[in-house]
Amino acid sequence: MAPIGSIVVERNEKVDETAYPPLSVGKLGVTPQLAGVAKSQTEGDRKLVRTGDLVINSRSDRRGASGLARQDGSVSVVYSVMTPRPDLLIPEYGHHLFRSIAFQDEFFRWGTGIVDDLWSTNFTRMSRIRVPLPPLDVQRRLAAKLDEVDAMVAKLDELTDSLRARAIDTAALFGLAEDDSRRHEDAKSPLSGMPEHWDRTKFGYDFTESTERNGDDPPGPLLSISEYRGVELNSRTDGQQASQDVANYRVVRPSQLAANMMWLNHGGLGVSSLTGYISPDYKAFWISPRFYPRYVHHLLRSPRYVDYFGAIGTGVRPNAQRVTKIALDMMPLPLPPMDEQRRIAGHLDDVTGRIDEMLGKIARLRDLLVEHSSTFLLDVVTGRKEIA
């Protein structure tokens, strides 16, 4: 066992991201920055990362966001960047060690803060955490074994992304056109190819904003808006939660449309089946009886409308494209006969339901692999198991 501070050297050099490309640190480890990630207003206020460094997010709400850097770059100052001492720590072993469940629990235990989403463990405190340090040869062989598990997890993540994309793309079947391949070109005219017997309308004619707020008696639990599933219970334990005073939060009722106006170009809206409340920055709308709510859910989350929201949104960053209420009210919508709306919605509910079931199985398998990886590491370093 050795304190982290004795086996790594902290790197604390400040750089500009124009000279060193920004990196993301998350469930995939250290990777080129993902599209849509919010950037700091001060580009120069970043930390240098060199190939072979270990990086970990000091904040507890980014649990498990750590890994080995395989390229030079820069990260936010909330990360701790460390260079392993080559005579003591194999970088690949450090990668798996810091991502293990046992270490994440210990890392959290050493943190300080007032509330969970601001709880953090700085490098000074982290450096005092004692970690298992097998001989270098054992570290290499253990890392190689765990790399195999990582490869399996990566395959599951790829499958998950493909299925999620398929779940969204199925919404292109709502009948506007047989060939929707030109949807990006047609983003400014979402009614292109609409069947002749369908009516058309505008959002503002058939959707009325609800002004209902929680007050002293919230009608249900906190809800969130997922880009994959729409409106759901907020079950996050690792991220920002509602503030203690929720009196001003918006109420959402079943069959209402809830929308995150800064995330519409990522599918941040959906028709709710629940009663609860959402952020005061979101909006809730009553839907006209001319529309079948589940049809609205699939229509507005379809690729064509997601692209349209990107076209009418305003803002500098792709993850902060706000759509104004005025622009939303002017949005054209197809209005099929009610029986067709129900038929389309039923078909898409069936397709996305089967995909959600597959996603659930993949998520459970992924969790088992991650747990197995952490248990195997712990068993080896405590002598309960040998590497074959």
Protein backbone atom coordinates (compact mmCIF):
# COMPACT_ATOMS: atom_id res chain seq x y z
CA MET A 1 0.00 0.00 0.00
CA ALA A 2 1.29 3.47 -0.85
CA PRO A 3 -0.12 7.01 -0.71
CA ILE A 4 -0.97 8.36 -4.16
CA GLY A 5 1.28 11.35 -3.61
CA SER A 6 4.33 9.04 -3.48
CA ILE A 7 3.67 7.32 -6.84
CA VAL A 8 2.60 10.26 -9.04
CA VAL A 9 3.70 13.84 -9.67
CA GLU A 10 0.98 16.47 -10.02
CA ARG A 11 0.97 18.39 -13.30
CA ASN A 12 -0.45 21.86 -12.83
CA GLU A 13 0.64 23.74 -15.96
CA LYS A 14 -1.90 26.21 -17.37
CA VAL A 15 -2.30 26.31 -21.15
CA ASP A 16 -4.56 27.66 -23.89
CA GLU A 17 -6.85 25.18 -25.64
CA THR A 18 -5.92 26.71 -29.01
CA ALA A 19 -2.46 25.21 -28.52
CA TYR A 20 -3.59 22.02 -26.77
CA PRO A 21 -6.89 20.50 -27.94
CA PRO A 22 -9.61 20.10 -25.29
CA LEU A 23 -10.13 16.61 -23.89
CA SER A 24 -13.19 15.01 -22.30
CA VAL A 25 -12.95 12.75 -19.25
CA GLY A 26 -15.87 10.42 -18.62
CA LYS A 27 -17.05 6.82 -18.73
CA LEU A 28 -14.81 6.20 -21.77
CA GLY A 29 -11.75 7.58 -20.01
CA VAL A 30 -9.79 10.45 -21.57
CA THR A 31 -10.93 11.18 -25.14
CA PRO A 32 -11.06 14.10 -27.59
CA GLN A 33 -13.71 16.52 -26.39
CA LEU A 34 -17.20 15.31 -27.21
CA ALA A 35 -19.51 17.43 -29.36
CA GLY A 36 -21.82 19.69 -27.39
CA VAL A 37 -19.70 19.87 -24.24
CA ALA A 38 -19.85 23.26 -22.55
CA LYS A 39 -16.56 25.13 -22.68
CA SER A 40 -15.03 27.56 -20.26
CA GLN A 41 -15.35 31.22 -21.11
CA THR A 42 -11.62 31.61 -20.37
CA GLU A 43 -9.83 29.35 -22.83
CA GLY A 44 -6.45 29.96 -21.19
CA ASP A 45 -7.65 28.71 -17.81
CA ARG A 46 -7.00 25.03 -18.52
CA LYS A 47 -4.57 22.36 -17.40
CA LEU A 48 -2.02 20.68 -19.64
CA VAL A 49 -2.31 16.91 -20.15
CA ARG A 50 0.50 14.84 -21.68
CA THR A 51 0.26 11.35 -23.16
CA GLY A 52 0.62 8.87 -20.30
CA ASP A 53 -0.83 11.19 -17.64
CA LEU A 54 -3.66 10.10 -15.37
CA VAL A 55 -6.61 12.49 -15.10
CA ILE A 56 -9.50 12.49 -12.60
CA ASN A 57 -12.41 14.86 -12.03
CA SER A 58 -12.29 16.20 -8.48
CA ARG A 59 -16.09 16.65 -8.30
CA SER A 60 -18.20 13.88 -6.81
CA ASP A 61 -21.04 14.32 -9.31
CA ARG A 62 -18.67 13.10 -12.02
CA ARG A 63 -18.03 9.83 -10.25
CA GLY A 64 -15.75 7.54 -12.26
CA ALA A 65 -14.68 10.31 -14.67
CA SER A 66 -11.01 9.42 -14.85
CA GLY A 67 -8.51 7.60 -16.98
CA LEU A 68 -5.25 7.43 -18.88
CA ALA A 69 -4.50 10.11 -21.49
CA ARG A 70 -3.35 8.69 -24.81
CA GLN A 71 -2.73 12.06 -26.42
CA ASP A 72 -1.60 15.55 -25.42
CA GLY A 73 -4.34 18.08 -24.71
CA SER A 74 -5.99 20.24 -22.07
CA VAL A 75 -8.73 19.83 -19.47
CA SER A 76 -10.73 22.02 -17.12
CA VAL A 77 -9.08 23.13 -13.90
CA VAL A 78 -11.53 20.97 -11.92
CA TYR A 79 -9.44 17.94 -12.90
CA SER A 80 -6.36 16.60 -11.15
CA VAL A 81 -3.63 15.71 -13.67
CA MET A 82 -0.88 13.33 -12.55
CA THR A 83 2.24 11.84 -14.13
CA PRO A 84 2.95 8.29 -12.84
CA ARG A 85 6.44 7.62 -11.50
CA PRO A 86 7.66 4.96 -13.98
CA ASP A 87 9.60 2.99 -11.35
CA LEU A 88 6.46 2.57 -9.21
CA LEU A 89 3.26 2.85 -11.24
CA ILE A 90 2.33 1.45 -14.67
CA PRO A 91 -0.02 4.05 -16.24
CA GLU A 92 -2.42 1.37 -17.54
CA TYR A 93 -2.74 -0.08 -14.03
CA GLY A 94 -3.40 3.41 -12.67
CA HIS A 95 -6.14 3.81 -15.27
CA HIS A 96 -8.04 0.78 -13.97
CA LEU A 97 -7.25 1.48 -10.32
CA PHE A 98 -8.76 4.98 -10.38
CA ARG A 99 -11.84 3.73 -12.24
CA SER A 100 -12.51 0.84 -9.85
CA ILE A 101 -15.59 1.02 -7.64
CA ALA A 102 -13.53 0.59 -4.45
CA PHE A 103 -11.34 3.58 -5.32
CA GLN A 104 -14.31 5.72 -6.31
CA ASP A 105 -15.86 5.05 -2.90
CA GLU A 106 -12.63 5.97 -1.13
CA PHE A 107 -12.13 9.05 -3.32
CA PHE A 108 -15.62 10.28 -2.37
CA ARG A 109 -14.94 9.60 1.32
CA TRP A 110 -11.95 11.97 1.23
CA GLY A 111 -13.97 14.79 -0.35
CA THR A 112 -15.23 18.00 1.23
CA GLY A 113 -18.11 20.33 0.47
CA ILE A 114 -21.57 21.53 1.48
CA VAL A 115 -23.85 19.69 -0.96
CA ASP A 116 -23.40 16.54 -3.03
CA ASP A 117 -23.02 18.18 -6.41
CA LEU A 118 -20.29 20.51 -5.07
CA TRP A 119 -18.51 17.80 -3.07
CA SER A 120 -14.93 17.46 -4.32
CA THR A 121 -11.59 15.86 -3.51
CA ASN A 122 -8.63 18.07 -4.39
CA PHE A 123 -5.20 16.71 -5.17
CA THR A 124 -3.81 17.54 -1.74
CA ARG A 125 -6.37 15.30 -0.06
CA MET A 126 -6.26 12.71 -2.82
CA SER A 127 -2.48 12.40 -2.48
CA ARG A 128 -2.98 10.99 1.03
CA ILE A 129 -5.21 8.10 -0.11
CA ARG A 130 -3.35 4.80 0.17
CA VAL A 131 -3.73 2.42 -2.78
CA PRO A 132 -2.56 -1.16 -3.48
CA LEU A 133 0.74 -1.25 -5.37
CA PRO A 134 1.67 -4.71 -6.69
CA PRO A 135 5.03 -5.39 -8.39
CA LEU A 136 5.34 -3.80 -11.85
CA ASP A 137 4.97 -7.16 -13.63
CA VAL A 138 1.71 -7.88 -11.80
CA GLN A 139 0.49 -4.37 -12.61
CA ARG A 140 1.14 -4.99 -16.34
CA ARG A 141 -0.60 -8.37 -16.43
CA LEU A 142 -3.55 -7.10 -14.39
CA ALA A 143 -3.97 -4.08 -16.67
CA ALA A 144 -3.89 -6.35 -19.75
CA LYS A 145 -6.68 -8.51 -18.32
CA LEU A 146 -8.80 -5.50 -17.44
CA ASP A 147 -8.20 -4.01 -20.90
CA GLU A 148 -10.05 -7.05 -22.27
CA VAL A 149 -13.06 -6.23 -20.08
CA ASP A 150 -12.86 -2.58 -21.16
CA ALA A 151 -13.00 -3.70 -24.80
CA MET A 152 -16.19 -5.66 -24.09
CA VAL A 153 -17.72 -2.67 -22.29
CA ALA A 154 -16.79 -0.44 -25.26
CA LYS A 155 -18.62 -2.83 -27.61
CA LEU A 156 -21.70 -2.62 -25.42
CA ASP A 157 -21.48 1.19 -25.44
CA GLU A 158 -21.31 1.15 -29.25
CA LEU A 159 -24.37 -1.11 -29.39
CA THR A 160 -26.20 1.18 -26.95
CA ASP A 161 -25.46 4.25 -29.09
CA SER A 162 -26.63 2.43 -32.23
CA LEU A 163 -29.88 1.33 -30.62
CA ARG A 164 -30.55 4.81 -29.24
CA ALA A 165 -29.98 6.29 -32.67
CA ARG A 166 -32.34 3.70 -34.11
CA ALA A 167 -34.98 4.55 -31.51
CA ILE A 168 -34.84 8.19 -32.58
CA ASP A 169 -34.64 7.44 -36.30
CA THR A 170 -37.79 5.32 -36.18
CA ALA A 171 -39.64 8.59 -35.65
CA ALA A 172 -38.77 9.44 -39.26
CA LEU A 173 -41.50 6.91 -40.15
CA PHE A 174 -44.30 9.27 -39.12
CA GLY A 175 -45.28 9.63 -42.75
CA LEU A 176 -44.03 12.96 -44.02
CA ALA A 177 -42.10 11.33 -46.84
CA GLU A 178 -41.14 7.87 -48.02
CA ASP A 179 -37.51 8.95 -48.40
CA ASP A 180 -36.43 11.18 -45.51
CA SER A 181 -32.74 11.17 -46.49
CA ARG A 182 -32.86 14.88 -47.32
CA ARG A 183 -34.12 15.88 -43.89
CA HIS A 184 -30.98 17.95 -43.15
CA GLU A 185 -31.52 19.98 -46.33
CA ASP A 186 -35.22 20.37 -45.53
CA ALA A 187 -34.71 21.51 -41.93
CA LYS A 188 -36.35 24.86 -42.64
CA SER A 189 -39.45 23.21 -44.15
CA PRO A 190 -40.43 20.25 -41.95
CA LEU A 191 -43.68 19.80 -43.90
CA SER A 192 -41.87 18.78 -47.09
CA GLY A 193 -43.43 15.64 -48.55
CA MET A 194 -46.51 15.81 -46.33
CA PRO A 195 -49.45 13.69 -47.62
CA GLU A 196 -52.00 15.84 -49.43
CA HIS A 197 -54.95 14.80 -47.26
CA TRP A 198 -53.23 15.98 -44.04
CA ASP A 199 -54.00 19.39 -42.62
CA ARG A 200 -51.31 21.75 -41.37
CA THR A 201 -51.13 24.10 -38.41
CA LYS A 202 -48.66 26.05 -36.30
CA PHE A 203 -47.46 25.26 -32.82
CA GLY A 204 -48.91 28.45 -31.35
CA TYR A 205 -52.43 27.54 -32.51
CA ASP A 206 -52.61 24.18 -30.78
CA PHE A 207 -50.21 24.37 -27.84
CA THR A 208 -50.87 26.59 -24.83
CA GLU A 209 -48.18 27.25 -22.24
CA SER A 210 -49.06 26.11 -18.73
CA THR A 211 -48.21 28.59 -15.99
CA GLU A 212 -48.86 26.18 -13.09
CA ARG A 213 -46.13 26.22 -10.42
CA ASN A 214 -45.51 24.04 -7.36
CA GLY A 215 -46.28 26.61 -4.70
CA ASP A 216 -46.29 25.12 -1.19
CA ASP A 217 -47.58 21.69 -2.27
CA PRO A 218 -45.71 19.94 -5.15
CA PRO A 219 -48.14 17.54 -6.90
CA GLY A 220 -45.49 14.90 -7.54
CA PRO A 221 -41.76 14.13 -7.73
CA LEU A 222 -38.97 15.93 -9.58
CA LEU A 223 -38.91 15.00 -13.28
CA SER A 224 -36.19 15.29 -15.89
CA ILE A 225 -36.23 15.39 -19.69
CA SER A 226 -34.04 12.75 -21.31
CA GLU A 227 -32.95 13.07 -24.92
CA TYR A 228 -33.49 9.29 -25.22
CA ARG A 229 -36.75 8.71 -23.36
CA GLY A 230 -38.42 12.09 -22.92
CA VAL A 231 -40.04 12.94 -19.56
CA GLU A 232 -39.08 10.58 -16.74
CA LEU A 233 -38.47 10.48 -12.98
CA ASN A 234 -35.28 12.24 -11.96
CA SER A 235 -33.40 9.32 -10.45
CA ARG A 236 -29.92 10.83 -10.63
CA THR A 237 -27.87 10.54 -7.49
CA ASP A 238 -24.63 11.87 -8.99
CA GLY A 239 -25.71 15.16 -10.51
CA GLN A 240 -27.42 18.40 -9.74
CA GLN A 241 -30.75 18.00 -8.00
CA ALA A 242 -33.59 20.43 -7.45
CA SER A 243 -32.91 23.22 -5.01
CA GLN A 244 -34.49 23.02 -1.57
CA ASP A 245 -37.01 25.71 -2.49
CA VAL A 246 -39.07 24.23 -5.32
CA ALA A 247 -42.06 26.56 -5.02
CA ASN A 248 -41.27 28.19 -8.37
CA TYR A 249 -40.70 24.94 -10.27
CA ARG A 250 -43.10 24.21 -13.14
CA VAL A 251 -45.77 21.54 -12.72
CA VAL A 252 -46.15 18.93 -15.49
CA ARG A 253 -49.35 16.91 -15.90
CA PRO A 254 -49.97 13.72 -17.91
CA SER A 255 -50.41 14.38 -21.66
CA GLN A 256 -48.65 17.73 -21.41
CA LEU A 257 -45.61 18.51 -23.56
CA ALA A 258 -42.55 19.41 -21.48
CA ALA A 259 -39.58 21.11 -23.13
CA ASN A 260 -36.06 22.21 -22.24
CA MET A 261 -35.86 25.25 -24.52
CA MET A 262 -32.04 25.12 -24.57
CA TRP A 263 -31.85 21.44 -25.51
CA LEU A 264 -34.51 21.05 -28.21
CA ASN A 265 -31.85 20.49 -30.88
CA HIS A 266 -30.81 17.41 -28.89
CA GLY A 267 -34.32 16.02 -28.41
CA GLY A 268 -34.86 17.67 -25.02
CA LEU A 269 -38.66 17.46 -24.99
CA GLY A 270 -41.44 14.92 -24.71
CA VAL A 271 -45.04 14.27 -23.72
CA SER A 272 -45.32 13.30 -20.06
CA SER A 273 -47.17 10.30 -18.65
CA LEU A 274 -46.40 11.49 -15.11
CA THR A 275 -47.45 14.22 -12.70
CA GLY A 276 -44.52 16.07 -11.18
CA TYR A 277 -42.41 19.17 -11.56
CA ILE A 278 -39.52 20.35 -13.74
CA SER A 279 -36.97 23.14 -13.68
CA PRO A 280 -38.44 26.65 -13.74
CA ASP A 281 -36.31 27.25 -16.87
CA TYR A 282 -38.28 24.59 -18.79
CA LYS A 283 -41.76 24.96 -20.26
CA ALA A 284 -44.93 22.86 -20.17
CA PHE A 285 -47.72 23.02 -22.76
CA TRP A 286 -51.32 21.85 -22.91
CA ILE A 287 -51.99 20.06 -26.20
CA SER A 288 -55.07 20.78 -28.30
CA PRO A 289 -57.57 17.89 -28.64
CA ARG A 290 -56.85 17.95 -32.38
CA PHE A 291 -53.57 16.16 -31.60
CA TYR A 292 -53.01 12.72 -30.13
CA PRO A 293 -50.35 13.26 -27.41
CA ARG A 294 -48.20 10.21 -28.26
CA TYR A 295 -48.11 11.31 -31.91
CA VAL A 296 -46.87 14.72 -30.77
CA HIS A 297 -44.20 12.99 -28.66
CA HIS A 298 -42.73 11.10 -31.63
CA LEU A 299 -43.25 13.91 -34.14
CA LEU A 300 -41.33 16.57 -32.22
CA ARG A 301 -38.54 14.15 -31.27
CA SER A 302 -38.09 13.00 -34.87
CA PRO A 303 -34.78 13.79 -36.66
CA ARG A 304 -36.53 16.25 -38.93
CA TYR A 305 -37.79 18.38 -36.04
CA VAL A 306 -34.58 18.04 -34.03
CA ASP A 307 -32.80 19.48 -37.08
CA TYR A 308 -35.43 22.18 -37.35
CA PHE A 309 -34.90 23.22 -33.73
CA GLY A 310 -31.19 23.56 -34.50
CA ALA A 311 -32.04 25.84 -37.44
CA ILE A 312 -34.29 28.19 -35.43
CA GLY A 313 -32.26 28.18 -32.21
CA THR A 314 -30.02 31.05 -31.21
CA GLY A 315 -26.75 30.88 -29.30
CA VAL A 316 -23.02 30.36 -29.71
CA ARG A 317 -22.53 26.85 -28.34
CA PRO A 318 -24.31 23.76 -29.76
CA ASN A 319 -25.40 22.75 -26.25
CA ALA A 320 -26.96 26.14 -25.58
CA GLN A 321 -29.16 26.76 -28.63
CA ARG A 322 -32.19 28.45 -27.09
CA VAL A 323 -35.44 28.34 -29.02
CA THR A 324 -37.63 31.32 -28.16
CA LYS A 325 -41.34 30.99 -27.51
CA ILE A 326 -42.03 33.27 -30.50
CA ALA A 327 -40.03 31.02 -32.84
CA LEU A 328 -41.70 27.93 -31.40
CA ASP A 329 -45.19 29.36 -31.90
CA MET A 330 -44.42 29.93 -35.60
CA MET A 331 -43.26 26.32 -36.13
CA PRO A 332 -45.34 24.50 -38.79
CA LEU A 333 -46.81 21.11 -37.87
CA PRO A 334 -48.51 18.36 -39.90
CA LEU A 335 -51.99 17.47 -38.66
CA PRO A 336 -53.07 14.01 -39.89
CA PRO A 337 -56.56 12.63 -39.23
CA MET A 338 -56.86 11.36 -35.64
CA ASP A 339 -57.03 7.69 -36.63
CA GLU A 340 -53.73 8.03 -38.53
CA GLN A 341 -52.12 9.82 -35.59
CA ARG A 342 -53.10 6.93 -33.30
CA ARG A 343 -51.85 4.33 -35.77
CA ILE A 344 -48.48 6.08 -36.23
CA ALA A 345 -48.05 6.57 -32.48
CA GLY A 346 -48.94 2.95 -31.74
CA HIS A 347 -46.38 1.67 -34.24
CA LEU A 348 -43.60 3.90 -32.88
CA ASP A 349 -44.47 3.10 -29.26
CA ASP A 350 -44.07 -0.59 -30.10
CA VAL A 351 -40.72 -0.10 -31.87
CA THR A 352 -39.19 2.16 -29.24
CA GLY A 353 -40.54 -0.07 -26.44
CA ARG A 354 -38.70 -3.08 -27.82
CA ILE A 355 -35.53 -1.02 -28.21
CA ASP A 356 -35.82 0.25 -24.62
CA GLU A 357 -36.10 -3.37 -23.44
CA MET A 358 -32.88 -4.24 -25.28
CA LEU A 359 -31.15 -1.17 -23.87
CA GLY A 360 -32.12 -2.26 -20.36
CA LYS A 361 -30.54 -5.68 -20.87
CA ILE A 362 -27.36 -4.14 -22.26
CA ALA A 363 -27.14 -1.70 -19.34
CA ARG A 364 -27.43 -4.55 -16.83
CA LEU A 365 -24.73 -6.54 -18.63
CA ARG A 366 -22.48 -3.49 -18.72
CA ASP A 367 -22.91 -2.94 -14.99
CA LEU A 368 -22.02 -6.58 -14.33
CA LEU A 369 -18.84 -6.29 -16.41
CA VAL A 370 -17.77 -3.10 -14.63
CA GLU A 371 -18.46 -4.70 -11.25
CA HIS A 372 -16.55 -7.84 -12.28
CA SER A 373 -13.60 -5.72 -13.38
CA SER A 374 -13.45 -3.89 -10.04
CA THR A 375 -13.84 -7.12 -8.05
CA PHE A 376 -11.12 -8.87 -10.05
CA LEU A 377 -8.68 -6.00 -9.44
CA LEU A 378 -9.43 -6.05 -5.71
CA ASP A 379 -9.08 -9.85 -5.52
CA VAL A 380 -5.68 -9.78 -7.26
CA VAL A 381 -4.15 -6.97 -5.19
CA THR A 382 -5.36 -8.55 -1.92
CA GLY A 383 -4.00 -11.98 -2.87
CA ARG A 384 -7.37 -13.74 -3.06
CA LYS A 385 -6.87 -14.50 -6.73
CA GLU A 386 -3.93 -14.92 -9.10
CA ILE A 387 -3.76 -13.78 -12.71
CA ALA A 388 -3.99 -16.80 -15.02
